[in-house]
Amino acid sequence: MTKRRKPRPPQVSEQALAELNETVVDEELLALTNRLKLFEELRTEGVLNTPYIALEALAGR
């Protein structure tokens, strides 16, 4: 029996996020985008885990 690899989250394109910020007019969506960017930085530093960020994204407030 072979071991299955743990699935990895998709890579986030920094360029695509920068382009999104330029085209977004909705202030609430822009605030959510900035919040998720901050969460992603904290995730890479090991402060937050992925499930927490995912639940925050689903809540989207």
C-alpha atoms as a PDB file:
ATOM      1  CA  MET A   1       0.000   0.000   0.000  1.00  0.00           C
ATOM      2  CA  THR A   2       1.423   3.371  -0.976  1.00  0.00           C
ATOM      3  CA  LYS A   3       1.209   6.474   1.149  1.00  0.00           C
ATOM      4  CA  ARG A   4      -0.779   9.364  -0.208  1.00  0.00           C
ATOM      5  CA  ARG A   5       0.795  12.754  -0.154  1.00  0.00           C
ATOM      6  CA  LYS A   6      -0.847  15.454   1.854  1.00  0.00           C
ATOM      7  CA  PRO A   7      -2.581  17.898  -0.527  1.00  0.00           C
ATOM      8  CA  ARG A   8      -0.972  21.302  -0.687  1.00  0.00           C
ATOM      9  CA  PRO A   9      -2.867  24.592  -0.875  1.00  0.00           C
ATOM     10  CA  PRO A  10      -2.665  26.445  -4.184  1.00  0.00           C
ATOM     11  CA  GLN A  11      -0.013  29.117  -4.629  1.00  0.00           C
ATOM     12  CA  VAL A  12      -1.192  32.727  -4.432  1.00  0.00           C
ATOM     13  CA  SER A  13      -0.169  34.952  -7.315  1.00  0.00           C
ATOM     14  CA  GLU A  14       1.101  38.267  -5.941  1.00  0.00           C
ATOM     15  CA  GLN A  15       0.796  39.845  -9.389  1.00  0.00           C
ATOM     16  CA  ALA A  16      -2.851  38.804  -9.715  1.00  0.00           C
ATOM     17  CA  LEU A  17      -3.600  40.278  -6.283  1.00  0.00           C
ATOM     18  CA  ALA A  18      -1.937  43.552  -7.247  1.00  0.00           C
ATOM     19  CA  GLU A  19      -3.997  43.719 -10.438  1.00  0.00           C
ATOM     20  CA  LEU A  20      -7.139  42.966  -8.436  1.00  0.00           C
ATOM     21  CA  ASN A  21      -6.455  45.869  -6.080  1.00  0.00           C
ATOM     22  CA  GLU A  22      -6.221  48.221  -9.045  1.00  0.00           C
ATOM     23  CA  THR A  23      -9.589  47.161 -10.466  1.00  0.00           C
ATOM     24  CA  VAL A  24     -11.640  46.762  -7.274  1.00  0.00           C
ATOM     25  CA  VAL A  25     -14.147  49.518  -6.655  1.00  0.00           C
ATOM     26  CA  ASP A  26     -16.050  47.888  -3.790  1.00  0.00           C
ATOM     27  CA  GLU A  27     -14.524  49.054  -0.498  1.00  0.00           C
ATOM     28  CA  GLU A  28     -15.760  46.020   1.462  1.00  0.00           C
ATOM     29  CA  LEU A  29     -14.152  43.636  -1.007  1.00  0.00           C
ATOM     30  CA  LEU A  30     -10.926  45.629  -0.897  1.00  0.00           C
ATOM     31  CA  ALA A  31     -10.921  45.496   2.914  1.00  0.00           C
ATOM     32  CA  LEU A  32     -11.443  41.727   2.817  1.00  0.00           C
ATOM     33  CA  THR A  33      -8.610  41.350   0.300  1.00  0.00           C
ATOM     34  CA  ASN A  34      -6.244  43.323   2.514  1.00  0.00           C
ATOM     35  CA  ARG A  35      -7.276  41.299   5.561  1.00  0.00           C
ATOM     36  CA  LEU A  36      -6.627  38.016   3.755  1.00  0.00           C
ATOM     37  CA  LYS A  37      -3.213  39.300   2.627  1.00  0.00           C
ATOM     38  CA  LEU A  38      -2.351  39.974   6.243  1.00  0.00           C
ATOM     39  CA  PHE A  39      -3.561  36.500   7.228  1.00  0.00           C
ATOM     40  CA  GLU A  40      -1.404  34.964   4.489  1.00  0.00           C
ATOM     41  CA  GLU A  41       1.666  36.742   5.840  1.00  0.00           C
ATOM     42  CA  LEU A  42       0.862  35.494   9.346  1.00  0.00           C
ATOM     43  CA  ARG A  43       0.398  31.973   7.987  1.00  0.00           C
ATOM     44  CA  THR A  44       3.827  31.965   6.376  1.00  0.00           C
ATOM     45  CA  GLU A  45       5.305  33.163   9.686  1.00  0.00           C
ATOM     46  CA  GLY A  46       3.560  30.297  11.486  1.00  0.00           C
ATOM     47  CA  VAL A  47       1.289  32.516  13.587  1.00  0.00           C
ATOM     48  CA  LEU A  48      -2.020  31.404  12.017  1.00  0.00           C
ATOM     49  CA  ASN A  49      -3.038  28.086  10.534  1.00  0.00           C
ATOM     50  CA  THR A  50      -4.760  27.478   7.212  1.00  0.00           C
ATOM     51  CA  PRO A  51      -8.146  26.268   8.573  1.00  0.00           C
ATOM     52  CA  TYR A  52      -8.548  29.488  10.572  1.00  0.00           C
ATOM     53  CA  ILE A  53      -7.870  31.595   7.490  1.00  0.00           C
ATOM     54  CA  ALA A  54     -10.274  29.494   5.424  1.00  0.00           C
ATOM     55  CA  LEU A  55     -13.074  29.993   7.947  1.00  0.00           C
ATOM     56  CA  GLU A  56     -12.405  33.731   8.033  1.00  0.00           C
ATOM     57  CA  ALA A  57     -12.559  33.837   4.235  1.00  0.00           C
ATOM     58  CA  LEU A  58     -15.877  31.982   4.238  1.00  0.00           C
ATOM     59  CA  ALA A  59     -17.282  34.379   6.839  1.00  0.00           C
ATOM     60  CA  GLY A  60     -16.099  37.245   4.623  1.00  0.00           C
ATOM     61  CA  ARG A  61     -17.139  40.139   6.782  1.00  0.00           C
END
